[in-house]
């Protein structure tokens, strides 16, 4: 299983999800993309997007105003 970290700090939504989508296309089933974001909209947007694409997702606020989004293909 591959884990790919994407530093998306200071990138406005939906850019982190576009980058995640591009990476996931290259990855195998079971692989994980981890987005690092400071955009408060990332949690809701990522959950909706993951549901539409049948990906598993977990959103964690790791610091005040900073999130990690785990997306499994």
PDB file of N, CA and C in Angstrom:
ATOM      1  N   UNK A   1       0.840  -1.170   0.000  1.00  0.00           N
ATOM      2  CA  UNK A   1       0.000   0.000   0.000  1.00  0.00           C
ATOM      3  C   UNK A   1       0.893   1.243   0.000  1.00  0.00           C
ATOM      4  N   UNK A   2       0.607   2.160  -0.893  1.00  0.00           N
ATOM      5  CA  UNK A   2       1.350   3.415  -0.998  1.00  0.00           C
ATOM      6  C   UNK A   2       0.595   4.522  -0.270  1.00  0.00           C
ATOM      7  N   UNK A   3       1.333   5.398   0.387  1.00  0.00           N
ATOM      8  CA  UNK A   3       0.757   6.582   1.026  1.00  0.00           C
ATOM      9  C   UNK A   3       1.445   7.796   0.423  1.00  0.00           C
ATOM     10  N   UNK A   4       0.650   8.695  -0.136  1.00  0.00           N
ATOM     11  CA  UNK A   4       1.180   9.903  -0.786  1.00  0.00           C
ATOM     12  C   UNK A   4       0.719  11.127  -0.005  1.00  0.00           C
ATOM     13  N   UNK A   5       1.666  11.927   0.483  1.00  0.00           N
ATOM     14  CA  UNK A   5       1.359  13.170   1.191  1.00  0.00           C
ATOM     15  C   UNK A   5       1.319  14.326   0.200  1.00  0.00           C
ATOM     16  N   UNK A   6       0.275  15.152   0.312  1.00  0.00           N
ATOM     17  CA  UNK A   6       0.166  16.348  -0.513  1.00  0.00           C
ATOM     18  C   UNK A   6       0.072  17.567   0.393  1.00  0.00           C
ATOM     19  N   UNK A   7       1.040  18.446   0.295  1.00  0.00           N
ATOM     20  CA  UNK A   7       1.024  19.686   1.061  1.00  0.00           C
ATOM     21  C   UNK A   7       0.164  20.691   0.304  1.00  0.00           C
ATOM     22  N   UNK A   8      -1.030  20.926   0.810  1.00  0.00           N
ATOM     23  CA  UNK A   8      -1.976  21.842   0.175  1.00  0.00           C
ATOM     24  C   UNK A   8      -2.225  23.072   1.036  1.00  0.00           C
ATOM     25  N   UNK A   9      -1.312  23.353   1.947  1.00  0.00           N
ATOM     26  CA  UNK A   9      -1.459  24.536   2.787  1.00  0.00           C
ATOM     27  C   UNK A   9      -1.479  25.781   1.907  1.00  0.00           C
ATOM     28  N   UNK A  10      -2.369  26.696   2.226  1.00  0.00           N
ATOM     29  CA  UNK A  10      -2.542  27.979   1.522  1.00  0.00           C
ATOM     30  C   UNK A  10      -3.156  27.837   0.141  1.00  0.00           C
ATOM     31  N   UNK A  11      -3.604  26.634  -0.230  1.00  0.00           N
ATOM     32  CA  UNK A  11      -4.273  26.444  -1.516  1.00  0.00           C
ATOM     33  C   UNK A  11      -5.781  26.464  -1.281  1.00  0.00           C
ATOM     34  N   UNK A  12      -6.512  27.346  -1.975  1.00  0.00           N
ATOM     35  CA  UNK A  12      -7.956  27.440  -1.761  1.00  0.00           C
ATOM     36  C   UNK A  12      -8.690  26.220  -2.312  1.00  0.00           C
ATOM     37  N   UNK A  13      -9.828  25.914  -1.706  1.00  0.00           N
ATOM     38  CA  UNK A  13     -10.690  24.848  -2.220  1.00  0.00           C
ATOM     39  C   UNK A  13     -11.208  25.292  -3.585  1.00  0.00           C
ATOM     40  N   UNK A  14     -11.322  24.392  -4.524  1.00  0.00           N
ATOM     41  CA  UNK A  14     -11.185  22.939  -4.491  1.00  0.00           C
ATOM     42  C   UNK A  14      -9.824  22.423  -4.963  1.00  0.00           C
ATOM     43  N   UNK A  15      -8.802  23.260  -5.014  1.00  0.00           N
ATOM     44  CA  UNK A  15      -7.497  22.833  -5.537  1.00  0.00           C
ATOM     45  C   UNK A  15      -6.965  21.575  -4.839  1.00  0.00           C
ATOM     46  N   UNK A  16      -7.048  21.451  -3.507  1.00  0.00           N
ATOM     47  CA  UNK A  16      -6.563  20.213  -2.881  1.00  0.00           C
ATOM     48  C   UNK A  16      -7.263  18.956  -3.409  1.00  0.00           C
ATOM     49  N   UNK A  17      -8.559  19.055  -3.679  1.00  0.00           N
ATOM     50  CA  UNK A  17      -9.286  17.887  -4.188  1.00  0.00           C
ATOM     51  C   UNK A  17      -8.915  17.587  -5.634  1.00  0.00           C
ATOM     52  N   UNK A  18      -8.627  18.606  -6.408  1.00  0.00           N
ATOM     53  CA  UNK A  18      -8.169  18.393  -7.787  1.00  0.00           C
ATOM     54  C   UNK A  18      -6.826  17.668  -7.764  1.00  0.00           C
ATOM     55  N   UNK A  19      -5.928  18.112  -6.898  1.00  0.00           N
ATOM     56  CA  UNK A  19      -4.620  17.453  -6.779  1.00  0.00           C
ATOM     57  C   UNK A  19      -4.771  16.011  -6.298  1.00  0.00           C
ATOM     58  N   UNK A  20      -5.665  15.785  -5.328  1.00  0.00           N
ATOM     59  CA  UNK A  20      -5.898  14.424  -4.828  1.00  0.00           C
ATOM     60  C   UNK A  20      -6.440  13.533  -5.934  1.00  0.00           C
ATOM     61  N   UNK A  21      -7.373  14.057  -6.702  1.00  0.00           N
ATOM     62  CA  UNK A  21      -7.959  13.290  -7.799  1.00  0.00           C
ATOM     63  C   UNK A  21      -6.892  12.873  -8.806  1.00  0.00           C
ATOM     64  N   UNK A  22      -5.992  13.787  -9.143  1.00  0.00           N
ATOM     65  CA  UNK A  22      -4.914  13.475 -10.086  1.00  0.00           C
ATOM     66  C   UNK A  22      -4.006  12.376  -9.543  1.00  0.00           C
ATOM     67  N   UNK A  23      -3.686  12.432  -8.262  1.00  0.00           N
ATOM     68  CA  UNK A  23      -2.823  11.409  -7.658  1.00  0.00           C
ATOM     69  C   UNK A  23      -3.530  10.059  -7.588  1.00  0.00           C
ATOM     70  N   UNK A  24      -4.795  10.063  -7.174  1.00  0.00           N
ATOM     71  CA  UNK A  24      -5.533   8.811  -7.016  1.00  0.00           C
ATOM     72  C   UNK A  24      -5.689   8.074  -8.343  1.00  0.00           C
ATOM     73  N   UNK A  25      -5.762   8.793  -9.441  1.00  0.00           N
ATOM     74  CA  UNK A  25      -5.860   8.150 -10.759  1.00  0.00           C
ATOM     75  C   UNK A  25      -4.637   7.282 -11.042  1.00  0.00           C
ATOM     76  N   UNK A  26      -3.484   7.665 -10.493  1.00  0.00           N
ATOM     77  CA  UNK A  26      -2.231   6.932 -10.722  1.00  0.00           C
ATOM     78  C   UNK A  26      -2.027   5.791  -9.725  1.00  0.00           C
ATOM     79  N   UNK A  27      -2.863   5.736  -8.692  1.00  0.00           N
ATOM     80  CA  UNK A  27      -2.645   4.807  -7.584  1.00  0.00           C
ATOM     81  C   UNK A  27      -3.511   3.561  -7.703  1.00  0.00           C
ATOM     82  N   UNK A  28      -3.155   2.561  -6.912  1.00  0.00           N
ATOM     83  CA  UNK A  28      -3.882   1.292  -6.890  1.00  0.00           C
ATOM     84  C   UNK A  28      -4.944   1.307  -5.795  1.00  0.00           C
ATOM     85  N   UNK A  29      -5.899   0.395  -5.905  1.00  0.00           N
ATOM     86  CA  UNK A  29      -6.915   0.237  -4.871  1.00  0.00           C
ATOM     87  C   UNK A  29      -6.241  -0.051  -3.535  1.00  0.00           C
ATOM     88  N   UNK A  30      -6.663   0.656  -2.505  1.00  0.00           N
ATOM     89  CA  UNK A  30      -6.084   0.495  -1.175  1.00  0.00           C
ATOM     90  C   UNK A  30      -5.048   1.551  -0.834  1.00  0.00           C
ATOM     91  N   UNK A  31      -4.512   2.231  -1.857  1.00  0.00           N
ATOM     92  CA  UNK A  31      -3.539   3.297  -1.615  1.00  0.00           C
ATOM     93  C   UNK A  31      -4.224   4.508  -0.981  1.00  0.00           C
ATOM     94  N   UNK A  32      -3.427   5.349  -0.326  1.00  0.00           N
ATOM     95  CA  UNK A  32      -3.968   6.476   0.438  1.00  0.00           C
ATOM     96  C   UNK A  32      -3.275   7.773   0.042  1.00  0.00           C
ATOM     97  N   UNK A  33      -4.080   8.818  -0.104  1.00  0.00           N
ATOM     98  CA  UNK A  33      -3.578  10.181  -0.267  1.00  0.00           C
ATOM     99  C   UNK A  33      -3.888  10.923   1.024  1.00  0.00           C
ATOM    100  N   UNK A  34      -2.898  11.644   1.549  1.00  0.00           N
ATOM    101  CA  UNK A  34      -3.092  12.462   2.742  1.00  0.00           C
ATOM    102  C   UNK A  34      -2.935  13.926   2.341  1.00  0.00           C
ATOM    103  N   UNK A  35      -4.028  14.675   2.453  1.00  0.00           N
ATOM    104  CA  UNK A  35      -3.997  16.107   2.161  1.00  0.00           C
ATOM    105  C   UNK A  35      -3.729  16.863   3.451  1.00  0.00           C
ATOM    106  N   UNK A  36      -2.859  17.844   3.383  1.00  0.00           N
ATOM    107  CA  UNK A  36      -2.609  18.746   4.510  1.00  0.00           C
ATOM    108  C   UNK A  36      -3.144  20.106   4.076  1.00  0.00           C
ATOM    109  N   UNK A  37      -4.163  20.605   4.780  1.00  0.00           N
ATOM    110  CA  UNK A  37      -4.834  21.828   4.354  1.00  0.00           C
ATOM    111  C   UNK A  37      -5.141  22.737   5.533  1.00  0.00           C
ATOM    112  N   UNK A  38      -5.195  24.035   5.236  1.00  0.00           N
ATOM    113  CA  UNK A  38      -5.597  25.014   6.241  1.00  0.00           C
ATOM    114  C   UNK A  38      -6.926  25.676   5.865  1.00  0.00           C
ATOM    115  N   UNK A  39      -7.642  25.079   4.936  1.00  0.00           N
ATOM    116  CA  UNK A  39      -8.918  25.622   4.479  1.00  0.00           C
ATOM    117  C   UNK A  39     -10.066  24.959   5.237  1.00  0.00           C
ATOM    118  N   UNK A  40     -10.861  25.763   5.925  1.00  0.00           N
ATOM    119  CA  UNK A  40     -11.935  25.207   6.754  1.00  0.00           C
ATOM    120  C   UNK A  40     -12.987  24.460   5.940  1.00  0.00           C
ATOM    121  N   UNK A  41     -13.101  24.753   4.653  1.00  0.00           N
ATOM    122  CA  UNK A  41     -14.095  24.089   3.808  1.00  0.00           C
ATOM    123  C   UNK A  41     -13.669  22.680   3.402  1.00  0.00           C
ATOM    124  N   UNK A  42     -12.420  22.308   3.643  1.00  0.00           N
ATOM    125  CA  UNK A  42     -11.894  21.047   3.122  1.00  0.00           C
ATOM    126  C   UNK A  42     -12.641  19.826   3.655  1.00  0.00           C
ATOM    127  N   UNK A  43     -13.042  19.841   4.908  1.00  0.00           N
ATOM    128  CA  UNK A  43     -13.712  18.679   5.486  1.00  0.00           C
ATOM    129  C   UNK A  43     -15.009  18.337   4.787  1.00  0.00           C
ATOM    130  N   UNK A  44     -15.900  19.312   4.679  1.00  0.00           N
ATOM    131  CA  UNK A  44     -17.207  19.082   4.055  1.00  0.00           C
ATOM    132  C   UNK A  44     -17.046  18.761   2.575  1.00  0.00           C
ATOM    133  N   UNK A  45     -16.226  19.531   1.891  1.00  0.00           N
ATOM    134  CA  UNK A  45     -16.040  19.304   0.452  1.00  0.00           C
ATOM    135  C   UNK A  45     -15.423  17.937   0.177  1.00  0.00           C
ATOM    136  N   UNK A  46     -14.429  17.557   0.969  1.00  0.00           N
ATOM    137  CA  UNK A  46     -13.759  16.274   0.760  1.00  0.00           C
ATOM    138  C   UNK A  46     -14.699  15.107   1.040  1.00  0.00           C
ATOM    139  N   UNK A  47     -15.516  15.221   2.073  1.00  0.00           N
ATOM    140  CA  UNK A  47     -16.458  14.141   2.382  1.00  0.00           C
ATOM    141  C   UNK A  47     -17.470  13.957   1.261  1.00  0.00           C
ATOM    142  N   UNK A  48     -18.007  15.052   0.727  1.00  0.00           N
ATOM    143  CA  UNK A  48     -18.947  14.965  -0.396  1.00  0.00           C
ATOM    144  C   UNK A  48     -18.280  14.344  -1.613  1.00  0.00           C
ATOM    145  N   UNK A  49     -17.090  14.834  -1.929  1.00  0.00           N
ATOM    146  CA  UNK A  49     -16.355  14.363  -3.096  1.00  0.00           C
ATOM    147  C   UNK A  49     -16.016  12.874  -2.967  1.00  0.00           C
ATOM    148  N   UNK A  50     -15.566  12.457  -1.788  1.00  0.00           N
ATOM    149  CA  UNK A  50     -15.211  11.052  -1.566  1.00  0.00           C
ATOM    150  C   UNK A  50     -16.429  10.147  -1.712  1.00  0.00           C
ATOM    151  N   UNK A  51     -17.559  10.606  -1.199  1.00  0.00           N
ATOM    152  CA  UNK A  51     -18.790   9.813  -1.311  1.00  0.00           C
ATOM    153  C   UNK A  51     -19.173   9.630  -2.780  1.00  0.00           C
ATOM    154  N   UNK A  52     -19.067  10.689  -3.569  1.00  0.00           N
ATOM    155  CA  UNK A  52     -19.401  10.620  -4.994  1.00  0.00           C
ATOM    156  C   UNK A  52     -18.466   9.682  -5.752  1.00  0.00           C
ATOM    157  N   UNK A  53     -17.233   9.555  -5.273  1.00  0.00           N
ATOM    158  CA  UNK A  53     -16.233   8.739  -5.961  1.00  0.00           C
ATOM    159  C   UNK A  53     -15.971   7.391  -5.291  1.00  0.00           C
ATOM    160  N   UNK A  54     -16.766   7.062  -4.289  1.00  0.00           N
ATOM    161  CA  UNK A  54     -16.652   5.785  -3.576  1.00  0.00           C
ATOM    162  C   UNK A  54     -15.287   5.571  -2.929  1.00  0.00           C
ATOM    163  N   UNK A  55     -14.742   6.630  -2.327  1.00  0.00           N
ATOM    164  CA  UNK A  55     -13.492   6.543  -1.584  1.00  0.00           C
ATOM    165  C   UNK A  55     -13.787   6.570  -0.093  1.00  0.00           C
ATOM    166  N   UNK A  56     -12.946   5.890   0.668  1.00  0.00           N
ATOM    167  CA  UNK A  56     -13.009   5.981   2.125  1.00  0.00           C
ATOM    168  C   UNK A  56     -12.301   7.266   2.536  1.00  0.00           C
ATOM    169  N   UNK A  57     -12.810   7.931   3.574  1.00  0.00           N
ATOM    170  CA  UNK A  57     -12.218   9.207   3.964  1.00  0.00           C
ATOM    171  C   UNK A  57     -12.252   9.387   5.471  1.00  0.00           C
ATOM    172  N   UNK A  58     -11.240  10.080   5.966  1.00  0.00           N
ATOM    173  CA  UNK A  58     -11.188  10.462   7.381  1.00  0.00           C
ATOM    174  C   UNK A  58     -10.582  11.863   7.442  1.00  0.00           C
ATOM    175  N   UNK A  59     -11.278  12.774   8.126  1.00  0.00           N
ATOM    176  CA  UNK A  59     -10.821  14.157   8.263  1.00  0.00           C
ATOM    177  C   UNK A  59     -10.483  14.404   9.725  1.00  0.00           C
ATOM    178  N   UNK A  60      -9.269  14.906   9.977  1.00  0.00           N
ATOM    179  CA  UNK A  60      -8.815  15.165  11.345  1.00  0.00           C
ATOM    180  C   UNK A  60      -8.293  16.594  11.423  1.00  0.00           C
ATOM    181  N   UNK A  61      -8.783  17.359  12.409  1.00  0.00           N
ATOM    182  CA  UNK A  61      -8.209  18.678  12.664  1.00  0.00           C
ATOM    183  C   UNK A  61      -7.006  18.458  13.574  1.00  0.00           C
ATOM    184  N   UNK A  62      -5.814  18.600  13.018  1.00  0.00           N
ATOM    185  CA  UNK A  62      -4.585  18.288  13.747  1.00  0.00           C
ATOM    186  C   UNK A  62      -4.071  19.470  14.554  1.00  0.00           C
ATOM    187  N   UNK A  63      -4.516  20.641  14.205  1.00  0.00           N
ATOM    188  CA  UNK A  63      -4.128  21.861  14.907  1.00  0.00           C
ATOM    189  C   UNK A  63      -5.247  22.863  14.678  1.00  0.00           C
ATOM    190  N   UNK A  64      -5.258  23.915  15.416  1.00  0.00           N
ATOM    191  CA  UNK A  64      -6.286  24.928  15.241  1.00  0.00           C
ATOM    192  C   UNK A  64      -6.170  25.517  13.829  1.00  0.00           C
ATOM    193  N   UNK A  65      -7.121  25.167  12.973  1.00  0.00           N
ATOM    194  CA  UNK A  65      -7.115  25.682  11.611  1.00  0.00           C
ATOM    195  C   UNK A  65      -6.277  24.901  10.621  1.00  0.00           C
ATOM    196  N   UNK A  66      -5.899  23.672  10.969  1.00  0.00           N
ATOM    197  CA  UNK A  66      -5.133  22.831  10.051  1.00  0.00           C
ATOM    198  C   UNK A  66      -5.684  21.410  10.085  1.00  0.00           C
ATOM    199  N   UNK A  67      -5.924  20.846   8.897  1.00  0.00           N
ATOM    200  CA  UNK A  67      -6.547  19.533   8.792  1.00  0.00           C
ATOM    201  C   UNK A  67      -5.681  18.574   7.993  1.00  0.00           C
ATOM    202  N   UNK A  68      -5.840  17.284   8.320  1.00  0.00           N
ATOM    203  CA  UNK A  68      -5.310  16.196   7.508  1.00  0.00           C
ATOM    204  C   UNK A  68      -6.513  15.414   7.007  1.00  0.00           C
ATOM    205  N   UNK A  69      -6.528  15.156   5.722  1.00  0.00           N
ATOM    206  CA  UNK A  69      -7.617  14.413   5.100  1.00  0.00           C
ATOM    207  C   UNK A  69      -7.016  13.147   4.499  1.00  0.00           C
ATOM    208  N   UNK A  70      -7.454  12.002   5.003  1.00  0.00           N
ATOM    209  CA  UNK A  70      -6.979  10.703   4.526  1.00  0.00           C
ATOM    210  C   UNK A  70      -8.012  10.155   3.547  1.00  0.00           C
ATOM    211  N   UNK A  71      -7.596   9.918   2.315  1.00  0.00           N
ATOM    212  CA  UNK A  71      -8.494   9.411   1.280  1.00  0.00           C
ATOM    213  C   UNK A  71      -7.924   8.098   0.772  1.00  0.00           C
ATOM    214  N   UNK A  72      -8.709   7.029   0.923  1.00  0.00           N
ATOM    215  CA  UNK A  72      -8.258   5.711   0.468  1.00  0.00           C
ATOM    216  C   UNK A  72      -9.010   5.328  -0.787  1.00  0.00           C
ATOM    217  N   UNK A  73      -8.250   4.945  -1.797  1.00  0.00           N
ATOM    218  CA  UNK A  73      -8.835   4.535  -3.070  1.00  0.00           C
ATOM    219  C   UNK A  73      -9.448   3.163  -2.939  1.00  0.00           C
TER     220      UNK A  73
END
